[in-house]
Structures are given as structure tokens and as C-alpha cells.
């Protein structure tokens, strides 16, 4: 066996804390195999080998988790905010202490490069730390009375049971971003992780138990998404549903939640433009373009999908970008390459479809373009140039390591092209013209605009998009407020 293969096969057996690898759901403070005994296999995308399995819980099992959360709500919401904050802080400290093991688990089930997995654990922990502090500062609003002999108060109270549905691309951070906000507000949680990456969530449940969350406050329900999430949307005891995933599934959950009038927080698809004007800092823009495209091997809702480069620097920029791409290392996540495996065969098929469609419409292939020799789920980092606007890759999210380039000549032209999407999550803008920054930042129809940089996310910022990119915001104070109801109390003091 090669050294790489050995690392792949032994990474879980060598965990410093083997109890973090859990093959059970977590319901009502207990580890559960479910009521029917059926399981779902979890595989390593680097080589297709089986890692283990998790229970495929039924709708009835999911209902029991909801009931456990419902029963725990009164106690948890009645805790002093300081006590909730202390429990969250213990959870944060345990996550930080288990950083290496949590990252290793993530690499095994998700495939991302090890350095990126370590970064995600830091990112995940930051949300728990942030909301541990915010838990103590929830009720800060007051009202000046407009009525004689009346005292008025406005309170924020937790809405109840929160259902959290998290994706496979950021299996730790997307859970803590939702759960920490909900728990800080006083809600209890039923979480459903992707069946492709359940172990990160279950490890967080193990650490939550150690942190001292009471039974039923934090539950992880594994299983087939239609059955488990269907139980979430159907239950009137679930008062808020938070979902990160595709716009198509978001529409479905929106409809399913209508009969019970649930509050919804949704972070859906993205189709990010990267816009570079000729007056940009060329080297900085090039570095930021690589980072914006290839993090998590392009499997990121924030990934730049369309590169619009002003014509005077277009050919030079594409050539420099392609040289960087051709030098990228592709391989298993444990070897910490630039590009790891994609999550499944459907992801590979989409890359191939988008490349073939663009070439058929007149685009040019400059680098990559097919499955990499590293394995069936590895796709070469790819560069397409002169991509026409009717190509599929300029109309929909690719979610992989394919970069599509097109030139532009005028500010109004590129603005119109950039806004030609219903999934306005993030846009990247590179220019040294301050007036243009002000104009473009205001006119771009995206919830977030990154100016002359790529990294913009973090616990203190409101993460979310415009149009069909989602509903509400996650992170920041606004992310916790979503899990609360405003209550107005007016007392006669005459």
C-alpha cells in the first residue's frame, strides 16, 4: 500500500479521541440506531472506500427528536442567558481542543484539503464563541411611550424548536453557524446533516454532550433527507427551519413549510461574478481570483463562477491565471493539495456538461477540461476563455473547479451581465477607482460585495443573498434575531 493510501485508510483509526467518530444518531441526549435498523453507508470521495454507516432514521424517529427538543425547550429557554453563554463557551473550547481530529474526520468524509478542513474548524468554532457572547446581549431595545400612564417594553423571546438542514460542503461550519445562534437565543435544535458528510455533525454532538447541554436541547437526526426533513416541515412544533443548499430544494422546503407558517432562513445557490477592471492591482486581483475560484475545489456557494475581465488586460490575465492553474496539485485531501476530490459522480458529470456546452458554443479550452488521473472523482482545474453569455456555465452555478472567462468593454455592460442571475449571493470587484467602487457596490444585486479581496466572511457579518439566493441572514446579531419573536408589553401605571 502506498503512503498516501495508508494515510487515507488509517486517518480515522488514529484519531486522538476515537469517541468523536460516531455511527449513531443523537436524539434526546442518547445515541440512537433508530427504530428500523436500516443504515446509510458513508464513503471517502478520494477513493470510494466505505468509511462506515449511520442510521437511516424514519419520520417517526424524527418526530421523537422534535418532541425531545420541544420538551427541553421550556428548561433551556428559561435558563439565564449567562448560563446558556457558559455552556456555549464550553462547547467552543472543546471544539478548539479537538481541532485536529475534527479536521481529519472532515477530510475523510468530504475530501477537502487538510489545511482547508483545519480552517473550517476554526471558522466553525468562531460562531460558537461569537454567539456565546451575544447570548448575554439579546434584549437591548426600549420604547419611548406615546401613551399617558403607560410603561412599554419590547422583548425578544426564542421562537421554539429550530430545525437545521446543513450541506456536505461545509459540514461543521454550517451547523455551528445555525446551531450556535439558535441555542444562544434559547431555542432547542433538531439538525439534519447531509448523508454524505454526517460524521462532522455527530462529532459536534459528542462535544455538545460533554459541554453540558441538557438532553433534548441539541439533536442530530441522520437519514434520508426527504423522510427526515419532511417530518421537520410537517411538524407544527418546529417553528423555524434554517436550510443551506440548492435553490431548487429551497423552493420545495418553502412550499412544504407553508401549512405551518414556519419562519424560514435559507442560504441557497450562488452564481458569483468576478469583475476586474484594467486599473486594478493586477497581481492582487490574480491572487484573489485563484482563491475565489478554487477553495473547496470550487464546491462553495461563494466560489467565483464567471470571470469578467476588462479587455485591455484580458489576454494577460487569462494567460497568468492559466499558468497558475496548470501548476496546481490534485490529490487526496490528506496530502493537502490545492484541488481535492469532488463529492460524487453527479458533480463530475456537471463539470463535463458545462465544459462541453461552452466549447460547443465557441469557447476555448486553455487548461484542464476532464477527469484527473488521480481518480474518478477528481476533476482537473479548468480554464475556459471567450465564453459566450448563452453558455450554461454563465447561466448557472457549476460548483466545481471550472473557471469561465469573458471580456468586457464598459462598466454598464459588465454590470448588466453580472446582475443577470436570480442567485445574487456574492460579487467580487477589483478596481482602484473609488467612485467606481461606490457606484458598482450599490448597483450590484448581491447580498455581499467583496472589493479588492476574496475573504469576507466571519461570525460578525450578516451572510446572505438577494433575490433567489435565500431568505434572511446568518452570522452577526441578525443571525440570532432570526430565532426570536418580538413581544411588546404595555402596562398601565396610572
Protein backbone atom coordinates (compact mmCIF):
# COMPACT_ATOMS: atom_id res chain seq x y z
CA UNK A 1 0.00 0.00 0.00
CA UNK A 2 1.35 3.46 -0.91
CA UNK A 3 1.95 6.05 1.80
CA UNK A 4 -0.99 8.12 0.52
CA UNK A 5 -3.29 5.11 0.59
CA UNK A 6 -2.06 4.26 4.08
CA UNK A 7 -2.86 7.76 5.30
CA UNK A 8 -6.33 7.52 3.79
CA UNK A 9 -7.07 4.19 5.45
CA UNK A 10 -5.65 4.92 8.88
CA UNK A 11 -6.68 8.52 9.45
CA UNK A 12 -9.80 7.63 11.45
CA UNK A 13 -8.21 4.80 13.41
CA UNK A 14 -5.52 7.21 14.54
CA UNK A 15 -7.85 9.82 15.99
CA UNK A 16 -6.55 11.11 19.31
CA UNK A 17 -10.13 10.88 20.58
CA UNK A 18 -11.80 7.85 18.93
CA UNK A 19 -15.18 8.69 20.53
CA UNK A 20 -15.53 11.55 18.07
CA UNK A 21 -16.24 9.01 15.34
CA UNK A 22 -19.92 8.21 15.99
CA UNK A 23 -22.08 5.88 13.89
CA UNK A 24 -25.34 6.67 15.69
CA UNK A 25 -27.85 9.49 15.59
CA UNK A 26 -28.13 11.68 18.69
CA UNK A 27 -31.69 12.13 19.99
CA UNK A 28 -32.89 13.28 23.38
CA UNK A 29 -29.45 13.05 24.94
CA UNK A 30 -28.88 9.44 23.81
CA UNK A 31 -27.13 7.76 20.88
CA UNK A 32 -29.69 6.01 18.71
CA UNK A 33 -29.67 3.36 15.98
CA UNK A 34 -33.23 4.25 15.01
CA UNK A 35 -36.38 2.16 15.05
CA UNK A 36 -35.93 0.11 11.88
CA UNK A 37 -32.24 -0.69 11.93
CA UNK A 38 -31.55 0.47 8.36
CA UNK A 39 -28.29 2.29 7.71
CA UNK A 40 -26.68 4.55 5.10
CA UNK A 41 -23.09 3.93 4.05
CA UNK A 42 -20.65 6.84 4.04
CA UNK A 43 -17.76 6.73 1.58
CA UNK A 44 -14.47 8.52 1.09
CA UNK A 45 -14.67 10.61 -2.11
CA UNK A 46 -10.91 10.26 -2.62
CA UNK A 47 -11.10 6.54 -3.39
CA UNK A 48 -14.72 5.42 -2.96
CA UNK A 49 -13.93 3.23 0.05
CA UNK A 50 -16.52 2.76 2.77
CA UNK A 51 -15.82 4.75 5.95
CA UNK A 52 -18.77 3.48 7.96
CA UNK A 53 -22.51 3.93 8.22
CA UNK A 54 -25.12 5.95 10.06
CA UNK A 55 -28.73 5.14 10.93
CA UNK A 56 -31.44 5.93 8.40
CA UNK A 57 -33.98 7.29 10.85
CA UNK A 58 -37.66 7.24 9.98
CA UNK A 59 -40.17 10.07 10.04
CA UNK A 60 -41.38 8.67 13.39
CA UNK A 61 -37.82 8.80 14.73
CA UNK A 62 -37.54 12.40 13.54
CA UNK A 63 -40.83 13.17 15.29
CA UNK A 64 -39.36 11.77 18.52
CA UNK A 65 -36.38 14.08 18.14
CA UNK A 66 -38.73 17.02 17.63
CA UNK A 67 -40.67 16.02 20.74
CA UNK A 68 -37.44 15.75 22.75
CA UNK A 69 -36.49 19.25 21.62
CA UNK A 70 -40.00 20.51 22.37
CA UNK A 71 -39.90 19.07 25.89
CA UNK A 72 -36.44 20.54 26.52
CA UNK A 73 -37.40 23.99 25.26
CA UNK A 74 -39.05 25.23 28.45
CA UNK A 75 -35.99 24.49 30.56
CA UNK A 76 -33.42 25.76 28.06
CA UNK A 77 -35.28 28.96 27.19
CA UNK A 78 -35.78 29.61 30.89
CA UNK A 79 -32.06 29.43 31.68
CA UNK A 80 -30.31 32.65 32.47
CA UNK A 81 -28.63 33.93 29.29
CA UNK A 82 -25.35 33.80 31.17
CA UNK A 83 -25.81 30.04 31.75
CA UNK A 84 -26.52 29.44 28.06
CA UNK A 85 -23.44 31.51 27.24
CA UNK A 86 -21.28 29.43 29.58
CA UNK A 87 -22.44 26.18 28.00
CA UNK A 88 -21.76 27.53 24.52
CA UNK A 89 -18.33 28.65 25.64
CA UNK A 90 -17.52 25.15 26.92
CA UNK A 91 -18.64 23.75 23.55
CA UNK A 92 -16.34 26.22 21.79
CA UNK A 93 -13.36 25.24 23.93
CA UNK A 94 -13.95 21.55 23.28
CA UNK A 95 -14.16 22.16 19.52
CA UNK A 96 -10.88 24.04 19.59
CA UNK A 97 -9.22 21.27 21.61
CA UNK A 98 -10.43 18.64 19.11
CA UNK A 99 -9.43 20.71 16.06
CA UNK A 100 -7.04 18.16 14.52
CA UNK A 101 -9.41 15.21 14.91
CA UNK A 102 -12.40 17.15 13.61
CA UNK A 103 -10.43 18.24 10.54
CA UNK A 104 -9.31 14.67 9.89
CA UNK A 105 -12.88 13.42 10.07
CA UNK A 106 -13.92 16.11 7.61
CA UNK A 107 -11.18 15.28 5.12
CA UNK A 108 -12.21 11.63 5.22
CA UNK A 109 -15.91 12.18 4.52
CA UNK A 110 -15.84 15.40 2.49
CA UNK A 111 -12.47 15.25 0.73
CA UNK A 112 -11.31 18.84 1.10
CA UNK A 113 -7.59 19.59 1.55
CA UNK A 114 -6.42 19.23 5.14
CA UNK A 115 -5.42 22.89 5.54
CA UNK A 116 -8.91 23.94 4.41
CA UNK A 117 -10.51 21.49 6.84
CA UNK A 118 -8.46 22.92 9.69
CA UNK A 119 -9.54 26.39 8.61
CA UNK A 120 -13.17 25.30 8.62
CA UNK A 121 -12.93 24.02 12.19
CA UNK A 122 -11.56 27.41 13.24
CA UNK A 123 -14.42 29.06 11.34
CA UNK A 124 -16.97 26.75 12.96
CA UNK A 125 -15.62 27.45 16.44
CA UNK A 126 -15.77 31.20 15.83
CA UNK A 127 -19.56 31.11 15.52
CA UNK A 128 -19.91 29.34 18.85
CA UNK A 129 -17.63 31.87 20.52
CA UNK A 130 -19.44 34.82 18.93
CA UNK A 131 -22.91 33.67 19.94
CA UNK A 132 -21.77 32.74 23.43
CA UNK A 133 -21.14 36.46 23.86
CA UNK A 134 -24.30 37.56 22.05
CA UNK A 135 -26.44 35.33 24.28
CA UNK A 136 -25.88 37.86 27.09
CA UNK A 137 -26.97 40.85 25.00
CA UNK A 138 -30.26 39.80 23.43
CA UNK A 139 -32.74 42.27 24.94
CA UNK A 140 -31.37 45.74 24.30
CA UNK A 141 -34.37 47.53 22.74
CA UNK A 142 -36.63 50.01 24.51
CA UNK A 143 -39.68 52.09 23.55
CA UNK A 144 -40.50 55.67 24.48
CA UNK A 145 -44.15 55.66 25.50
CA UNK A 146 -46.60 57.60 23.32
CA UNK A 147 -49.49 56.90 25.74
CA UNK A 148 -50.16 58.58 29.08
CA UNK A 149 -49.74 56.45 32.18
CA UNK A 150 -48.25 53.56 30.22
CA UNK A 151 -44.96 51.71 30.51
CA UNK A 152 -43.80 49.93 27.39
CA UNK A 153 -41.30 47.14 26.85
CA UNK A 154 -40.13 45.22 23.81
CA UNK A 155 -38.72 41.75 24.45
CA UNK A 156 -37.04 39.17 22.27
CA UNK A 157 -38.08 35.63 23.10
CA UNK A 158 -36.96 32.35 21.46
CA UNK A 159 -39.38 31.01 18.87
CA UNK A 160 -39.17 27.34 19.92
CA UNK A 161 -37.79 24.27 18.19
CA UNK A 162 -35.40 25.08 15.33
CA UNK A 163 -34.83 22.58 12.51
CA UNK A 164 -31.44 22.94 10.83
CA UNK A 165 -30.64 21.32 7.49
CA UNK A 166 -26.96 21.50 6.60
CA UNK A 167 -24.95 20.73 3.42
CA UNK A 168 -21.99 18.50 2.66
CA UNK A 169 -19.52 21.17 1.52
CA UNK A 170 -19.07 22.83 4.95
CA UNK A 171 -20.33 20.13 7.33
CA UNK A 172 -19.05 21.73 10.55
CA UNK A 173 -19.27 25.48 9.96
CA UNK A 174 -22.78 25.46 8.52
CA UNK A 175 -24.02 23.57 11.57
CA UNK A 176 -22.40 25.80 14.16
CA UNK A 177 -23.42 28.98 12.33
CA UNK A 178 -27.04 27.92 12.67
CA UNK A 179 -26.99 25.99 15.94
CA UNK A 180 -24.96 28.46 17.99
CA UNK A 181 -27.32 31.30 17.05
CA UNK A 182 -30.41 29.23 17.84
CA UNK A 183 -29.05 27.91 21.14
CA UNK A 184 -27.87 31.35 22.24
CA UNK A 185 -31.35 32.73 21.64
CA UNK A 186 -32.87 29.96 23.80
CA UNK A 187 -34.16 27.67 21.05
CA UNK A 188 -33.66 23.92 21.02
CA UNK A 189 -32.35 22.21 17.89
CA UNK A 190 -33.04 19.25 15.62
CA UNK A 191 -30.33 19.09 12.96
CA UNK A 192 -30.17 17.01 9.80
CA UNK A 193 -26.70 16.76 8.24
CA UNK A 194 -26.11 15.64 4.68
CA UNK A 195 -25.94 11.85 4.45
CA UNK A 196 -22.67 12.26 2.54
CA UNK A 197 -20.97 14.00 5.49
CA UNK A 198 -22.75 13.10 8.74
CA UNK A 199 -19.71 12.41 10.94
CA UNK A 200 -18.71 16.04 11.40
CA UNK A 201 -22.14 16.82 12.85
CA UNK A 202 -22.12 13.75 15.07
CA UNK A 203 -18.68 14.66 16.42
CA UNK A 204 -20.05 18.10 17.28
CA UNK A 205 -22.95 16.39 19.07
CA UNK A 206 -20.47 14.36 21.12
CA UNK A 207 -18.71 17.57 22.14
CA UNK A 208 -22.03 19.30 22.85
CA UNK A 209 -22.94 16.48 25.23
CA UNK A 210 -19.61 16.91 27.02
CA UNK A 211 -20.18 20.66 27.19
CA UNK A 212 -23.29 20.05 29.27
CA UNK A 213 -26.24 20.82 27.00
CA UNK A 214 -29.30 19.26 28.65
CA UNK A 215 -30.87 16.22 26.99
CA UNK A 216 -33.05 17.21 24.04
CA UNK A 217 -31.51 20.63 23.52
CA UNK A 218 -29.24 19.54 20.66
CA UNK A 219 -30.26 16.62 18.43
CA UNK A 220 -28.70 15.23 15.24
CA UNK A 221 -31.11 13.21 13.08
CA UNK A 222 -29.41 11.17 10.36
CA UNK A 223 -31.23 9.55 7.46
CA UNK A 224 -32.72 10.15 4.04
CA UNK A 225 -33.44 13.85 3.59
CA UNK A 226 -36.98 13.56 2.15
CA UNK A 227 -38.15 11.50 5.12
CA UNK A 228 -36.35 13.35 7.91
CA UNK A 229 -36.76 16.88 6.61
CA UNK A 230 -40.32 16.09 5.57
CA UNK A 231 -41.05 15.37 9.24
CA UNK A 232 -39.44 18.69 10.16
CA UNK A 233 -41.54 20.72 7.73
CA UNK A 234 -44.76 18.90 8.65
CA UNK A 235 -44.46 19.38 12.41
CA UNK A 236 -46.20 22.41 13.94
CA UNK A 237 -43.77 22.11 16.87
CA UNK A 238 -40.92 23.17 14.59
CA UNK A 239 -41.23 26.95 14.48
CA UNK A 240 -38.24 27.83 12.31
CA UNK A 241 -36.42 25.99 9.53
CA UNK A 242 -32.91 27.00 8.52
CA UNK A 243 -31.59 25.45 5.31
CA UNK A 244 -28.37 25.72 3.32
CA UNK A 245 -28.44 24.07 -0.10
CA UNK A 246 -29.67 24.42 -3.64
CA UNK A 247 -32.31 26.89 -4.76
CA UNK A 248 -34.37 24.01 -6.14
CA UNK A 249 -34.58 22.23 -2.77
CA UNK A 250 -35.14 25.59 -1.08
CA UNK A 251 -38.27 26.13 -3.17
CA UNK A 252 -39.53 22.68 -2.18
CA UNK A 253 -38.98 23.31 1.54
CA UNK A 254 -40.58 26.74 1.22
CA UNK A 255 -43.75 25.08 -0.10
CA UNK A 256 -43.68 22.27 2.46
CA UNK A 257 -43.38 24.79 5.31
CA UNK A 258 -46.35 26.87 4.22
CA UNK A 259 -49.11 24.88 6.01
CA UNK A 260 -47.48 25.50 9.40
CA UNK A 261 -46.36 29.08 8.59
CA UNK A 262 -42.78 28.43 9.66
CA UNK A 263 -40.16 31.11 9.81
CA UNK A 264 -37.52 30.36 7.18
CA UNK A 265 -33.85 31.21 6.94
CA UNK A 266 -32.36 29.99 3.67
CA UNK A 267 -28.91 30.26 2.15
CA UNK A 268 -29.36 28.95 -1.37
CA UNK A 269 -27.41 28.94 -4.60
CA UNK A 270 -24.83 31.43 -5.79
CA UNK A 271 -23.53 32.47 -9.21
CA UNK A 272 -20.75 34.84 -8.31
CA UNK A 273 -19.20 37.19 -10.86
CA UNK A 274 -15.55 38.22 -10.55
CA UNK A 275 -15.08 41.62 -12.18
CA UNK A 276 -11.62 43.07 -12.80
CA UNK A 277 -11.14 46.49 -14.40
CA UNK A 278 -7.95 47.45 -16.21
CA UNK A 279 -6.98 49.83 -13.38
CA UNK A 280 -6.91 47.04 -10.77
CA UNK A 281 -3.81 45.88 -8.93
CA UNK A 282 -3.06 43.08 -11.41
CA UNK A 283 -1.14 40.71 -9.13
CA UNK A 284 -3.55 41.17 -6.23
CA UNK A 285 -6.53 40.55 -8.50
CA UNK A 286 -4.88 37.43 -9.92
CA UNK A 287 -4.20 36.01 -6.44
CA UNK A 288 -7.73 36.81 -5.31
CA UNK A 289 -9.22 35.26 -8.46
CA UNK A 290 -7.47 31.94 -7.79
CA UNK A 291 -8.68 32.00 -4.19
CA UNK A 292 -12.23 32.92 -5.18
CA UNK A 293 -12.48 30.05 -7.66
CA UNK A 294 -10.73 27.04 -6.15
CA UNK A 295 -11.42 26.99 -2.40
CA UNK A 296 -13.04 23.64 -1.51
CA UNK A 297 -12.19 22.62 -5.09
CA UNK A 298 -14.80 25.10 -6.31
CA UNK A 299 -17.56 23.44 -4.26
CA UNK A 300 -18.54 26.61 -2.47
CA UNK A 301 -21.57 28.85 -2.87
CA UNK A 302 -19.15 31.79 -2.69
CA UNK A 303 -16.96 30.44 -5.49
CA UNK A 304 -16.48 32.79 -8.44
CA UNK A 305 -18.30 31.21 -11.36
CA UNK A 306 -17.96 33.91 -14.04
CA UNK A 307 -14.82 35.96 -14.66
CA UNK A 308 -15.39 39.27 -16.45
CA UNK A 309 -12.06 40.96 -17.23
CA UNK A 310 -11.80 44.36 -18.91
CA UNK A 311 -10.44 43.95 -22.44
CA UNK A 312 -7.11 45.84 -22.08
CA UNK A 313 -5.87 43.26 -19.53
CA UNK A 314 -7.99 40.30 -20.62
CA UNK A 315 -5.43 38.20 -22.52
CA UNK A 316 -2.67 38.84 -19.99
CA UNK A 317 -4.94 37.98 -17.07
CA UNK A 318 -6.22 34.75 -18.61
CA UNK A 319 -2.69 33.62 -19.51
CA UNK A 320 -1.38 34.28 -16.00
CA UNK A 321 -4.41 32.57 -14.44
CA UNK A 322 -3.97 29.52 -16.67
CA UNK A 323 -0.29 29.21 -15.74
CA UNK A 324 -1.24 29.16 -12.07
CA UNK A 325 -3.94 26.57 -12.71
CA UNK A 326 -1.65 24.25 -14.63
CA UNK A 327 0.73 24.17 -11.65
CA UNK A 328 -1.97 23.15 -9.15
CA UNK A 329 -1.62 19.87 -7.32
CA UNK A 330 -4.57 17.47 -7.44
CA UNK A 331 -4.87 14.68 -4.89
CA UNK A 332 -6.43 13.25 -1.71
CA UNK A 333 -7.22 15.80 0.99
CA UNK A 334 -4.79 14.27 3.49
CA UNK A 335 -1.88 15.25 1.21
CA UNK A 336 -3.11 18.88 1.37
CA UNK A 337 -3.30 19.60 -2.37
CA UNK A 338 -4.87 22.66 -3.99
CA UNK A 339 -7.63 20.52 -5.52
CA UNK A 340 -9.24 17.55 -3.78
CA UNK A 341 -11.97 15.20 -5.00
CA UNK A 342 -15.48 16.32 -5.84
CA UNK A 343 -18.24 14.94 -3.68
CA UNK A 344 -19.87 12.44 -6.10
CA UNK A 345 -20.32 11.35 -9.71
CA UNK A 346 -23.09 13.89 -10.27
CA UNK A 347 -20.63 16.69 -9.56
CA UNK A 348 -18.19 15.24 -12.12
CA UNK A 349 -20.98 14.96 -14.68
CA UNK A 350 -21.89 18.62 -14.22
CA UNK A 351 -18.31 19.77 -14.84
CA UNK A 352 -18.17 17.74 -18.03
CA UNK A 353 -21.54 19.04 -19.19
CA UNK A 354 -20.60 22.67 -18.61
CA UNK A 355 -17.24 22.31 -20.34
CA UNK A 356 -18.74 20.52 -23.36
CA UNK A 357 -21.56 23.04 -23.66
CA UNK A 358 -19.19 26.03 -23.54
CA UNK A 359 -16.88 24.52 -26.15
CA UNK A 360 -19.83 23.72 -28.43
CA UNK A 361 -20.84 27.40 -28.27
CA UNK A 362 -17.41 28.69 -29.24
CA UNK A 363 -15.40 28.93 -26.02
CA UNK A 364 -11.74 27.96 -25.96
CA UNK A 365 -10.18 25.42 -23.57
CA UNK A 366 -6.93 26.78 -22.12
CA UNK A 367 -6.28 24.36 -19.23
CA UNK A 368 -7.74 21.14 -17.83
CA UNK A 369 -11.10 20.03 -19.10
CA UNK A 370 -11.59 16.46 -17.91
CA UNK A 371 -11.33 13.94 -15.08
CA UNK A 372 -7.89 13.89 -13.49
CA UNK A 373 -5.74 10.71 -13.36
CA UNK A 374 -5.85 10.95 -9.54
CA UNK A 375 -9.22 9.19 -9.56
CA UNK A 376 -12.79 9.13 -10.86
CA UNK A 377 -13.99 11.93 -8.57
CA UNK A 378 -11.09 14.29 -9.29
CA UNK A 379 -11.64 16.92 -11.96
CA UNK A 380 -8.78 18.92 -13.41
CA UNK A 381 -8.79 22.64 -12.57
CA UNK A 382 -10.07 24.07 -15.84
CA UNK A 383 -9.95 27.39 -17.67
CA UNK A 384 -12.36 28.35 -20.47
CA UNK A 385 -11.98 31.63 -22.37
CA UNK A 386 -14.21 33.70 -24.62
CA UNK A 387 -17.26 32.01 -23.14
CA UNK A 388 -20.50 33.33 -24.69
CA UNK A 389 -23.33 34.57 -22.49
CA UNK A 390 -25.67 31.79 -23.63
CA UNK A 391 -23.33 29.06 -22.30
CA UNK A 392 -24.73 27.07 -19.38
CA UNK A 393 -21.74 27.93 -17.19
CA UNK A 394 -22.57 31.65 -17.43
CA UNK A 395 -26.22 30.98 -16.59
CA UNK A 396 -25.99 28.54 -13.68
CA UNK A 397 -23.71 27.54 -10.83
CA UNK A 398 -21.02 24.97 -11.70
CA UNK A 399 -19.93 24.06 -8.15
CA UNK A 400 -16.57 22.73 -9.25
CA UNK A 401 -13.07 23.75 -10.42
CA UNK A 402 -14.03 25.22 -13.81
CA UNK A 403 -13.37 28.94 -14.43
CA UNK A 404 -15.16 30.66 -17.31
CA UNK A 405 -13.72 33.93 -18.71
CA UNK A 406 -15.22 36.61 -20.91
CA UNK A 407 -14.02 40.15 -21.76
CA UNK A 408 -15.97 43.38 -21.31
CA UNK A 409 -15.56 46.96 -22.52
CA UNK A 410 -17.83 49.20 -20.42
CA UNK A 411 -18.95 49.50 -16.82
CA UNK A 412 -22.65 49.44 -17.68
CA UNK A 413 -22.10 46.36 -19.85
CA UNK A 414 -20.43 44.28 -17.14
CA UNK A 415 -22.92 45.44 -14.53
CA UNK A 416 -25.81 44.21 -16.65
CA UNK A 417 -24.08 40.85 -17.23
CA UNK A 418 -23.18 40.41 -13.56
CA UNK A 419 -26.75 41.08 -12.44
CA UNK A 420 -28.18 38.62 -14.96
CA UNK A 421 -28.85 36.00 -12.30
CA UNK A 422 -31.55 35.21 -9.75
CA UNK A 423 -28.99 33.93 -7.23
CA UNK A 424 -27.32 37.10 -6.01
CA UNK A 425 -25.18 35.90 -3.13
CA UNK A 426 -21.74 37.48 -3.60
CA UNK A 427 -19.88 39.52 -6.23
CA UNK A 428 -16.14 40.20 -6.46
CA UNK A 429 -14.99 43.61 -7.71
CA UNK A 430 -11.41 44.70 -8.45
CA UNK A 431 -10.66 48.32 -9.34
CA UNK A 432 -8.64 51.23 -7.96
CA UNK A 433 -11.29 53.83 -8.86
CA UNK A 434 -13.07 54.88 -5.65
CA UNK A 435 -16.00 56.41 -7.50
CA UNK A 436 -16.47 53.18 -9.44
CA UNK A 437 -16.32 51.18 -6.21
CA UNK A 438 -19.16 53.29 -4.80
CA UNK A 439 -21.25 53.02 -7.98
CA UNK A 440 -20.72 49.30 -8.54
CA UNK A 441 -21.11 48.28 -4.89
CA UNK A 442 -24.50 49.94 -4.79
CA UNK A 443 -25.68 48.67 -8.18
CA UNK A 444 -24.59 45.04 -7.93
CA UNK A 445 -27.66 43.00 -6.96
CA UNK A 446 -25.89 40.77 -4.45
CA UNK A 447 -26.16 40.45 -0.69
CA UNK A 448 -22.39 40.72 -0.30
CA UNK A 449 -19.75 42.54 -2.35
CA UNK A 450 -16.04 41.84 -1.93
CA UNK A 451 -13.94 44.79 -3.10
CA UNK A 452 -10.29 44.08 -3.93
CA UNK A 453 -10.32 40.95 -1.76
CA UNK A 454 -11.81 37.47 -1.54
CA UNK A 455 -12.18 36.55 2.13
CA UNK A 456 -15.08 38.49 3.62
CA UNK A 457 -16.98 36.02 5.80
CA UNK A 458 -16.87 35.56 9.56
CA UNK A 459 -19.06 35.33 12.62
CA UNK A 460 -19.72 39.10 13.00
CA UNK A 461 -21.04 39.69 9.44
CA UNK A 462 -24.58 39.15 8.06
CA UNK A 463 -24.19 36.36 5.50
CA UNK A 464 -26.87 36.07 2.83
CA UNK A 465 -28.05 36.98 -0.63
CA UNK A 466 -30.64 38.80 -2.69
CA UNK A 467 -33.41 37.55 -4.98
CA UNK A 468 -33.50 33.73 -5.04
CA UNK A 469 -30.17 33.34 -3.24
CA UNK A 470 -32.07 32.97 0.02
CA UNK A 471 -34.04 34.48 2.88
CA UNK A 472 -32.69 36.23 5.95
CA UNK A 473 -29.12 36.37 7.18
CA UNK A 474 -26.79 34.10 9.14
CA UNK A 475 -23.97 35.24 11.37
CA UNK A 476 -23.90 38.61 13.15
CA UNK A 477 -26.55 39.82 15.56
CA UNK A 478 -29.13 39.44 12.80
CA UNK A 479 -28.44 35.72 12.69
CA UNK A 480 -29.56 35.28 16.30
CA UNK A 481 -32.56 37.61 15.97
CA UNK A 482 -33.99 35.26 13.34
CA UNK A 483 -34.57 32.71 16.12
CA UNK A 484 -36.58 35.14 18.25
CA UNK A 485 -40.03 36.69 18.32
CA UNK A 486 -40.59 40.31 19.28
CA UNK A 487 -43.03 40.72 22.14
CA UNK A 488 -44.48 44.09 23.05
CA UNK A 489 -45.75 44.58 26.64
CA UNK A 490 -47.77 47.68 27.61
CA UNK A 491 -48.55 48.19 31.32
CA UNK A 492 -50.90 50.77 32.82
CA UNK A 493 -49.11 52.73 35.57
CA UNK A 494 -51.77 55.39 36.16
